[in-house]
Amino acid sequence: MTERLGSMICPQCGKLIGVGEERCPFCGAWRPGMWGLTPLLQRALGRGLSVTGLIIQTCIALYVIGLLLDIGAVLHPEGGVLSLLSPSSRALFQTGMTGGPAWRAGLYWTLLTAIFLHGGLLHIFFNLLWVRQLMPQIEEFYGSARAFIIFTVSGAAGFLMSNLIVNTSTIGASGSIFGLVAAAIVYGRRHGGTWGQVVVRQLWQTAILMFVMGFVISGVNNWAHLGGFVGGFAIAELMARARPREGRAAVFVAAGLALATLGGFIASFVIVTRALMGR
């Protein structure tokens, strides 16, 4: 049952507003109450509705699911200490890993699902640390719906470049993280003045350092990083030229991407599980 009366915290600007407001009177966000659903979601999450929080919770949930799908591989790792608490390749394939067999089999929606999968405890820890650091700022700069679009499109663009060039099995949110850095650079160039120029310079240095580290650490998908940065820069530039505040089109696009990703998880699990069972 949805709520039509009462007050709530706007998920975009954090101000107190009415549930039934068509637009937030403070930040202009369209339908912040989502027809009465936002207060229910805020209570379910135990805090203000946040795209950052939803992304982090989704990644953690899928990481745990990946571990449980093949618990034997988790208890008997083959790669030593670094493989502890790592989902098996089979479990990652079931939950939506992209590239390699998945790409050759035509599971193209894995460009979306693989963003939220991680191959080990250190992998998910450091990626979510970056998400927690960068995503709230992108939400503040662009709005929650457009921030989710940037995150998703960046990750998908990174995996697309990787699959077209090297086509190895790959997962992780690092392409999306590079896209968030690019989006912050775009915002700083357009709105920051002198302060923005300093921040942009620091962000470029951070991006370059992250790229270099990708060549130093083995097993890093640098093509996905590059594609994520390019994708994030392009989509952020497009949004920066549009209206200052996100409208209903951004909300619907973000919702569509979320539903497509959810459908991708279900499709991957069903198709791959049937294949593994020999059906």
Protein backbone atom coordinates (compact mmCIF):
# COMPACT_ATOMS: atom_id res chain seq x y z
CA MET A 1 0.00 0.00 0.00
CA THR A 2 1.44 3.36 -1.01
CA GLU A 3 1.36 6.58 1.02
CA ARG A 4 -0.31 9.68 -0.41
CA LEU A 5 -0.26 11.98 2.63
CA GLY A 6 2.39 13.11 5.07
CA SER A 7 5.99 14.22 4.75
CA MET A 8 9.26 12.60 3.72
CA ILE A 9 12.92 13.37 3.06
CA CYS A 10 13.65 14.18 -0.59
CA PRO A 11 16.08 11.44 -1.74
CA GLN A 12 17.96 13.97 -3.90
CA CYS A 13 18.49 17.04 -1.71
CA GLY A 14 17.64 15.71 1.76
CA LYS A 15 15.02 18.40 2.53
CA LEU A 16 11.65 17.72 4.20
CA ILE A 17 8.83 17.78 1.62
CA GLY A 18 5.30 16.47 1.14
CA VAL A 19 4.86 12.90 -0.13
CA GLY A 20 2.52 14.02 -2.91
CA GLU A 21 4.74 16.81 -4.32
CA GLU A 22 5.01 16.62 -8.11
CA ARG A 23 8.41 18.33 -7.88
CA CYS A 24 10.62 19.00 -4.90
CA PRO A 25 10.27 22.76 -4.14
CA PHE A 26 13.96 22.90 -3.16
CA CYS A 27 15.85 20.96 -5.84
CA GLY A 28 13.23 20.43 -8.55
CA ALA A 29 13.45 16.62 -8.55
CA TRP A 30 10.45 15.17 -10.37
CA ARG A 31 8.12 12.91 -8.35
CA PRO A 32 10.51 12.50 -5.37
CA GLY A 33 7.81 10.49 -3.60
CA MET A 34 7.42 8.11 -6.57
CA TRP A 35 3.61 8.09 -6.11
CA GLY A 36 3.94 7.21 -2.42
CA LEU A 37 6.55 4.43 -2.75
CA THR A 38 9.61 6.37 -1.59
CA PRO A 39 8.66 6.55 2.13
CA LEU A 40 8.11 2.78 2.15
CA LEU A 41 11.48 2.16 0.51
CA GLN A 42 13.19 4.56 2.90
CA ARG A 43 11.82 2.67 5.89
CA ALA A 44 12.73 -0.68 4.33
CA LEU A 45 16.32 0.49 3.88
CA GLY A 46 16.45 1.94 7.37
CA ARG A 47 17.70 5.30 6.04
CA GLY A 48 17.19 7.80 3.28
CA LEU A 49 16.71 6.31 -0.17
CA SER A 50 20.07 6.44 -1.90
CA VAL A 51 21.26 5.09 -5.24
CA THR A 52 24.67 4.69 -3.64
CA GLY A 53 23.21 2.50 -0.92
CA LEU A 54 21.18 0.44 -3.38
CA ILE A 55 24.25 -0.22 -5.56
CA ILE A 56 26.36 -1.25 -2.56
CA GLN A 57 23.64 -3.51 -1.17
CA THR A 58 23.08 -5.13 -4.57
CA CYS A 59 26.79 -5.86 -5.01
CA ILE A 60 27.06 -7.37 -1.54
CA ALA A 61 23.92 -9.48 -2.00
CA LEU A 62 25.13 -10.87 -5.33
CA TYR A 63 28.58 -11.56 -3.89
CA VAL A 64 27.01 -13.63 -1.10
CA ILE A 65 24.74 -15.42 -3.59
CA GLY A 66 27.78 -16.25 -5.71
CA LEU A 67 29.51 -17.77 -2.70
CA LEU A 68 26.46 -19.85 -1.77
CA LEU A 69 25.90 -21.17 -5.30
CA ASP A 70 29.15 -23.14 -5.17
CA ILE A 71 30.07 -23.40 -1.52
CA GLY A 72 32.44 -26.31 -2.18
CA ALA A 73 34.70 -24.13 -4.31
CA VAL A 74 34.74 -21.49 -1.59
CA LEU A 75 35.76 -23.98 1.10
CA HIS A 76 38.48 -25.52 -1.08
CA PRO A 77 40.10 -22.65 -3.03
CA GLU A 78 42.67 -23.60 -5.67
CA GLY A 79 44.57 -20.31 -5.82
CA GLY A 80 45.80 -19.99 -2.24
CA VAL A 81 45.14 -17.09 0.13
CA LEU A 82 44.10 -14.66 -2.62
CA SER A 83 41.31 -17.03 -3.66
CA LEU A 84 39.71 -17.14 -0.21
CA LEU A 85 36.04 -16.18 -0.27
CA SER A 86 35.99 -16.01 -4.07
CA PRO A 87 32.91 -17.17 -5.99
CA SER A 88 33.72 -19.90 -8.51
CA SER A 89 33.70 -19.25 -12.26
CA ARG A 90 30.58 -21.40 -12.49
CA ALA A 91 28.75 -19.28 -9.90
CA LEU A 92 29.80 -16.05 -11.60
CA PHE A 93 28.68 -17.42 -14.96
CA GLN A 94 25.29 -18.24 -13.43
CA THR A 95 24.86 -14.76 -11.95
CA GLY A 96 25.82 -12.80 -15.06
CA MET A 97 29.54 -12.65 -15.80
CA THR A 98 30.25 -11.17 -19.22
CA GLY A 99 32.85 -11.88 -21.91
CA GLY A 100 34.24 -15.25 -22.93
CA PRO A 101 31.59 -18.03 -23.07
CA ALA A 102 28.76 -15.69 -22.08
CA TRP A 103 29.48 -13.26 -24.92
CA ARG A 104 29.98 -16.06 -27.47
CA ALA A 105 26.66 -17.57 -26.38
CA GLY A 106 24.85 -14.30 -27.10
CA LEU A 107 24.14 -13.33 -23.49
CA TYR A 108 24.58 -9.67 -24.33
CA TRP A 109 22.67 -8.42 -21.29
CA THR A 110 25.66 -9.46 -19.19
CA LEU A 111 27.13 -6.06 -20.07
CA LEU A 112 24.76 -4.84 -17.33
CA THR A 113 24.78 -7.71 -14.85
CA ALA A 114 28.57 -8.10 -14.65
CA ILE A 115 28.86 -4.58 -13.21
CA PHE A 116 27.48 -5.78 -9.88
CA LEU A 117 29.57 -8.98 -9.58
CA HIS A 118 32.94 -9.34 -7.85
CA GLY A 119 35.54 -12.06 -7.76
CA GLY A 120 36.79 -11.89 -4.20
CA LEU A 121 36.74 -10.13 -0.85
CA LEU A 122 39.45 -7.61 -1.72
CA HIS A 123 37.89 -6.97 -5.12
CA ILE A 124 34.49 -6.04 -3.72
CA PHE A 125 35.95 -4.17 -0.75
CA PHE A 126 38.04 -1.74 -2.79
CA ASN A 127 35.44 -1.26 -5.52
CA LEU A 128 32.69 -0.46 -3.04
CA LEU A 129 35.04 1.85 -1.19
CA TRP A 130 35.39 3.86 -4.42
CA VAL A 131 31.63 3.72 -5.04
CA ARG A 132 30.97 5.01 -1.53
CA GLN A 133 33.47 7.82 -2.09
CA LEU A 134 32.39 8.95 -5.58
CA MET A 135 28.73 8.09 -6.08
CA PRO A 136 27.19 10.48 -3.50
CA GLN A 137 28.94 13.39 -5.22
CA ILE A 138 27.66 12.34 -8.63
CA GLU A 139 24.16 12.05 -7.17
CA GLU A 140 24.49 15.57 -5.82
CA PHE A 141 25.86 16.95 -9.10
CA TYR A 142 23.51 15.23 -11.56
CA GLY A 143 20.59 13.84 -9.55
CA SER A 144 19.98 10.26 -8.40
CA ALA A 145 18.43 8.91 -11.61
CA ARG A 146 21.09 10.41 -13.87
CA ALA A 147 23.82 9.21 -11.51
CA PHE A 148 22.52 5.65 -11.86
CA ILE A 149 22.44 6.06 -15.65
CA ILE A 150 26.07 7.25 -15.63
CA PHE A 151 27.12 4.35 -13.41
CA THR A 152 25.35 1.74 -15.55
CA VAL A 153 26.23 3.11 -18.98
CA SER A 154 29.89 3.52 -17.97
CA GLY A 155 30.14 -0.07 -16.79
CA ALA A 156 28.38 -1.42 -19.89
CA ALA A 157 30.59 0.67 -22.19
CA GLY A 158 33.70 -0.65 -20.45
CA PHE A 159 32.63 -4.27 -20.83
CA LEU A 160 31.61 -3.69 -24.45
CA MET A 161 35.09 -2.39 -25.30
CA SER A 162 36.70 -5.27 -23.43
CA ASN A 163 34.51 -7.91 -25.10
CA LEU A 164 35.11 -6.51 -28.58
CA ILE A 165 38.88 -6.29 -28.16
CA VAL A 166 39.98 -9.19 -25.92
CA ASN A 167 36.73 -11.04 -25.03
CA THR A 168 37.87 -12.62 -21.80
CA SER A 169 35.49 -13.40 -18.92
CA THR A 170 35.22 -10.31 -16.75
CA ILE A 171 33.25 -8.76 -13.87
CA GLY A 172 33.33 -5.80 -11.50
CA ALA A 173 32.29 -2.20 -10.98
CA SER A 174 35.68 -0.66 -11.83
CA GLY A 175 34.56 0.45 -15.31
CA SER A 176 31.64 2.25 -13.69
CA ILE A 177 33.99 3.80 -11.14
CA PHE A 178 36.14 5.22 -13.95
CA GLY A 179 32.91 6.56 -15.44
CA LEU A 180 32.10 8.33 -12.17
CA VAL A 181 35.53 9.97 -12.17
CA ALA A 182 34.94 11.13 -15.75
CA ALA A 183 31.50 12.50 -14.83
CA ALA A 184 33.02 14.46 -11.95
CA ILE A 185 35.60 15.90 -14.34
CA VAL A 186 32.84 16.99 -16.73
CA TYR A 187 30.92 18.67 -13.92
CA GLY A 188 34.00 20.43 -12.58
CA ARG A 189 34.91 21.77 -16.03
CA ARG A 190 31.44 23.18 -16.55
CA HIS A 191 30.49 24.50 -13.11
CA GLY A 192 33.50 24.77 -10.85
CA GLY A 193 35.27 28.03 -11.70
CA THR A 194 38.74 28.32 -10.17
CA TRP A 195 37.93 25.75 -7.52
CA GLY A 196 36.60 23.43 -10.21
CA GLN A 197 39.82 23.72 -12.20
CA VAL A 198 41.83 22.57 -9.19
CA VAL A 199 39.47 19.66 -8.56
CA VAL A 200 39.48 18.67 -12.23
CA ARG A 201 43.29 18.65 -12.24
CA GLN A 202 43.26 16.37 -9.19
CA LEU A 203 40.66 14.09 -10.76
CA TRP A 204 42.73 13.74 -13.93
CA GLN A 205 45.72 12.83 -11.79
CA THR A 206 43.61 10.26 -9.94
CA ALA A 207 42.34 8.75 -13.20
CA ILE A 208 45.85 8.49 -14.65
CA LEU A 209 47.16 6.91 -11.44
CA MET A 210 44.32 4.39 -11.47
CA PHE A 211 45.09 3.51 -15.10
CA VAL A 212 48.79 3.03 -14.29
CA MET A 213 47.95 0.83 -11.28
CA GLY A 214 45.85 -1.30 -13.60
CA PHE A 215 48.98 -2.19 -15.58
CA VAL A 216 50.96 -2.94 -12.44
CA ILE A 217 48.42 -5.28 -10.82
CA SER A 218 47.86 -8.59 -12.62
CA GLY A 219 44.38 -9.63 -13.70
CA VAL A 220 43.05 -6.08 -14.12
CA ASN A 221 40.83 -5.38 -17.14
CA ASN A 222 42.33 -2.13 -18.44
CA TRP A 223 40.14 -2.13 -21.55
CA ALA A 224 37.05 -2.06 -19.32
CA HIS A 225 38.57 0.82 -17.37
CA LEU A 226 39.24 2.80 -20.54
CA GLY A 227 35.80 2.06 -21.97
CA GLY A 228 34.15 3.00 -18.68
CA PHE A 229 35.98 6.33 -18.58
CA VAL A 230 35.07 7.15 -22.19
CA GLY A 231 31.46 6.07 -21.67
CA GLY A 232 31.13 8.07 -18.47
CA PHE A 233 32.65 11.16 -20.05
CA ALA A 234 30.32 10.94 -23.06
CA ILE A 235 27.08 10.39 -21.13
CA ALA A 236 27.98 13.07 -18.58
CA GLU A 237 28.69 15.59 -21.36
CA LEU A 238 25.31 14.77 -22.88
CA MET A 239 23.54 15.28 -19.56
CA ALA A 240 25.50 18.44 -18.76
CA ARG A 241 24.12 20.03 -21.93
CA ALA A 242 20.56 19.12 -20.98
CA ARG A 243 18.41 20.75 -18.30
CA PRO A 244 20.12 21.49 -14.94
CA ARG A 245 17.80 19.14 -13.06
CA GLU A 246 16.76 15.67 -14.09
CA GLY A 247 13.22 15.23 -15.40
CA ARG A 248 10.89 12.32 -15.76
CA ALA A 249 12.76 11.01 -18.83
CA ALA A 250 15.86 10.35 -16.68
CA VAL A 251 13.75 8.60 -14.05
CA PHE A 252 12.18 6.32 -16.66
CA VAL A 253 15.54 5.55 -18.31
CA ALA A 254 17.08 4.72 -14.94
CA ALA A 255 14.11 2.51 -14.06
CA GLY A 256 14.39 0.80 -17.44
CA LEU A 257 18.08 0.07 -16.91
CA ALA A 258 17.36 -1.29 -13.43
CA LEU A 259 14.61 -3.58 -14.76
CA ALA A 260 16.79 -4.73 -17.67
CA THR A 261 19.58 -5.57 -15.21
CA LEU A 262 17.21 -7.50 -12.97
CA GLY A 263 15.86 -9.38 -15.97
CA GLY A 264 19.44 -10.11 -17.03
CA PHE A 265 20.24 -11.71 -13.68
CA ILE A 266 17.20 -13.95 -13.95
CA ALA A 267 17.89 -14.87 -17.59
CA SER A 268 21.55 -15.67 -16.90
CA PHE A 269 20.72 -17.87 -13.95
CA VAL A 270 18.01 -19.82 -15.79
CA ILE A 271 19.93 -20.27 -19.06
CA VAL A 272 23.30 -21.11 -17.54
CA THR A 273 21.86 -23.39 -14.86
CA ARG A 274 19.96 -25.36 -17.50
CA ALA A 275 23.11 -25.62 -19.61
CA LEU A 276 25.14 -26.85 -16.65
CA MET A 277 22.49 -29.47 -15.89
CA GLY A 278 22.66 -30.69 -19.49
CA ARG A 279 19.14 -29.71 -20.46
